[in-house]
């Protein structure tokens, strides 16, 4: 994303200009990313319960918003500046005690 901000903007913002097909594509990508994040966190050593799918999707949506906000801010450290924040957030979710589904 940091290497090509224009492409990132196209994938996160401009895709919505396609109407329902763009929204469907966005939802498929978010669902796939949430599935991957959920599987990784659920498979973490010591984790007794899987990460709820809704929480995995919330992580993806939140990360999406952080990236959009950074893109809209313009020049600066760009999306690369989000790495520490995003990593910290995901690690906190992964380390939090999980509730049974």
Protein backbone atom coordinates (compact mmCIF):
# COMPACT_ATOMS: atom_id res chain seq x y z
CA UNK A 1 0.00 0.00 0.00
CA UNK A 2 2.81 2.40 0.83
CA UNK A 3 4.54 1.70 -2.46
CA UNK A 4 1.52 2.66 -4.57
CA UNK A 5 -0.91 5.02 -2.79
CA UNK A 6 -2.87 5.61 -6.01
CA UNK A 7 -3.57 1.89 -6.40
CA UNK A 8 -4.46 1.64 -2.72
CA UNK A 9 -6.94 4.50 -3.12
CA UNK A 10 -8.42 2.80 -6.19
CA UNK A 11 -8.87 -0.48 -4.30
CA UNK A 12 -10.32 1.12 -1.17
CA UNK A 13 -12.27 4.11 -2.48
CA UNK A 14 -12.79 4.11 -6.21
CA UNK A 15 -14.11 0.54 -6.25
CA UNK A 16 -17.28 1.93 -4.67
CA UNK A 17 -17.93 3.92 -7.87
CA UNK A 18 -18.76 0.59 -9.51
CA UNK A 19 -22.00 0.41 -7.53
CA UNK A 20 -23.29 -2.97 -6.36
CA UNK A 21 -20.54 -4.97 -8.12
CA UNK A 22 -17.88 -2.82 -6.44
CA UNK A 23 -19.52 -3.21 -3.04
CA UNK A 24 -19.77 -6.98 -3.57
CA UNK A 25 -16.07 -7.14 -4.50
CA UNK A 26 -15.15 -5.09 -1.42
CA UNK A 27 -17.21 -7.38 0.81
CA UNK A 28 -15.58 -10.50 -0.69
CA UNK A 29 -12.11 -9.09 -0.04
CA UNK A 30 -13.01 -8.05 3.50
CA UNK A 31 -14.53 -11.48 4.21
CA UNK A 32 -11.42 -13.23 2.89
CA UNK A 33 -9.11 -11.04 4.98
CA UNK A 34 -11.31 -11.54 8.05
CA UNK A 35 -11.24 -15.30 7.51
CA UNK A 36 -7.46 -15.27 7.30
CA UNK A 37 -7.06 -13.06 10.39
CA UNK A 38 -9.55 -15.19 12.29
CA UNK A 39 -7.74 -18.39 11.38
CA UNK A 40 -4.34 -17.01 12.35
CA UNK A 41 -5.53 -15.63 15.68
CA UNK A 42 -7.68 -18.68 16.45
CA UNK A 43 -4.67 -20.91 15.82
CA UNK A 44 -2.45 -18.94 18.19
CA UNK A 45 -0.78 -21.01 20.90
CA UNK A 46 -2.76 -20.96 24.12
CA UNK A 47 -5.96 -19.68 22.53
CA UNK A 48 -8.86 -21.71 23.88
CA UNK A 49 -11.66 -20.27 21.75
CA UNK A 50 -11.73 -19.14 18.13
CA UNK A 51 -11.90 -15.45 17.31
CA UNK A 52 -15.54 -14.66 16.53
CA UNK A 53 -15.98 -13.93 12.80
CA UNK A 54 -17.65 -10.59 13.57
CA UNK A 55 -14.60 -9.45 15.55
CA UNK A 56 -12.26 -10.50 12.73
CA UNK A 57 -14.40 -8.52 10.28
CA UNK A 58 -14.38 -5.53 12.65
CA UNK A 59 -10.57 -5.66 12.63
CA UNK A 60 -10.54 -5.57 8.84
CA UNK A 61 -13.04 -2.71 8.73
CA UNK A 62 -11.09 -0.74 11.31
CA UNK A 63 -7.83 -1.23 9.46
CA UNK A 64 -9.57 -0.17 6.26
CA UNK A 65 -10.70 3.07 7.92
CA UNK A 66 -7.23 3.79 9.32
CA UNK A 67 -5.75 3.43 5.84
CA UNK A 68 -8.45 5.64 4.28
CA UNK A 69 -7.87 8.32 6.88
CA UNK A 70 -4.13 8.27 6.21
CA UNK A 71 -4.66 8.42 2.44
CA UNK A 72 -6.96 11.42 2.82
CA UNK A 73 -4.43 13.21 5.04
CA UNK A 74 -2.09 13.47 2.07
CA UNK A 75 1.68 13.69 2.22
CA UNK A 76 3.45 12.59 5.33
CA UNK A 77 4.53 9.17 6.46
CA UNK A 78 1.62 7.63 4.54
CA UNK A 79 0.17 4.23 5.26
CA UNK A 80 3.58 2.91 6.30
CA UNK A 81 3.15 5.03 9.42
CA UNK A 82 0.24 2.81 10.46
CA UNK A 83 2.28 -0.37 10.81
CA UNK A 84 2.99 0.03 14.52
CA UNK A 85 -0.58 1.03 15.37
CA UNK A 86 -2.14 -1.74 13.31
CA UNK A 87 0.27 -4.35 14.65
CA UNK A 88 -0.36 -3.29 18.24
CA UNK A 89 -4.12 -3.43 17.75
CA UNK A 90 -4.14 -6.88 16.14
CA UNK A 91 -1.77 -8.26 18.80
CA UNK A 92 -4.00 -6.90 21.57
CA UNK A 93 -7.04 -8.59 20.05
CA UNK A 94 -5.08 -11.82 19.65
CA UNK A 95 -3.88 -11.72 23.26
CA UNK A 96 -7.25 -10.81 24.79
CA UNK A 97 -9.10 -13.58 26.59
CA UNK A 98 -11.60 -15.05 24.19
CA UNK A 99 -15.17 -15.67 25.16
CA UNK A 100 -16.80 -18.92 24.09
CA UNK A 101 -18.94 -18.53 20.99
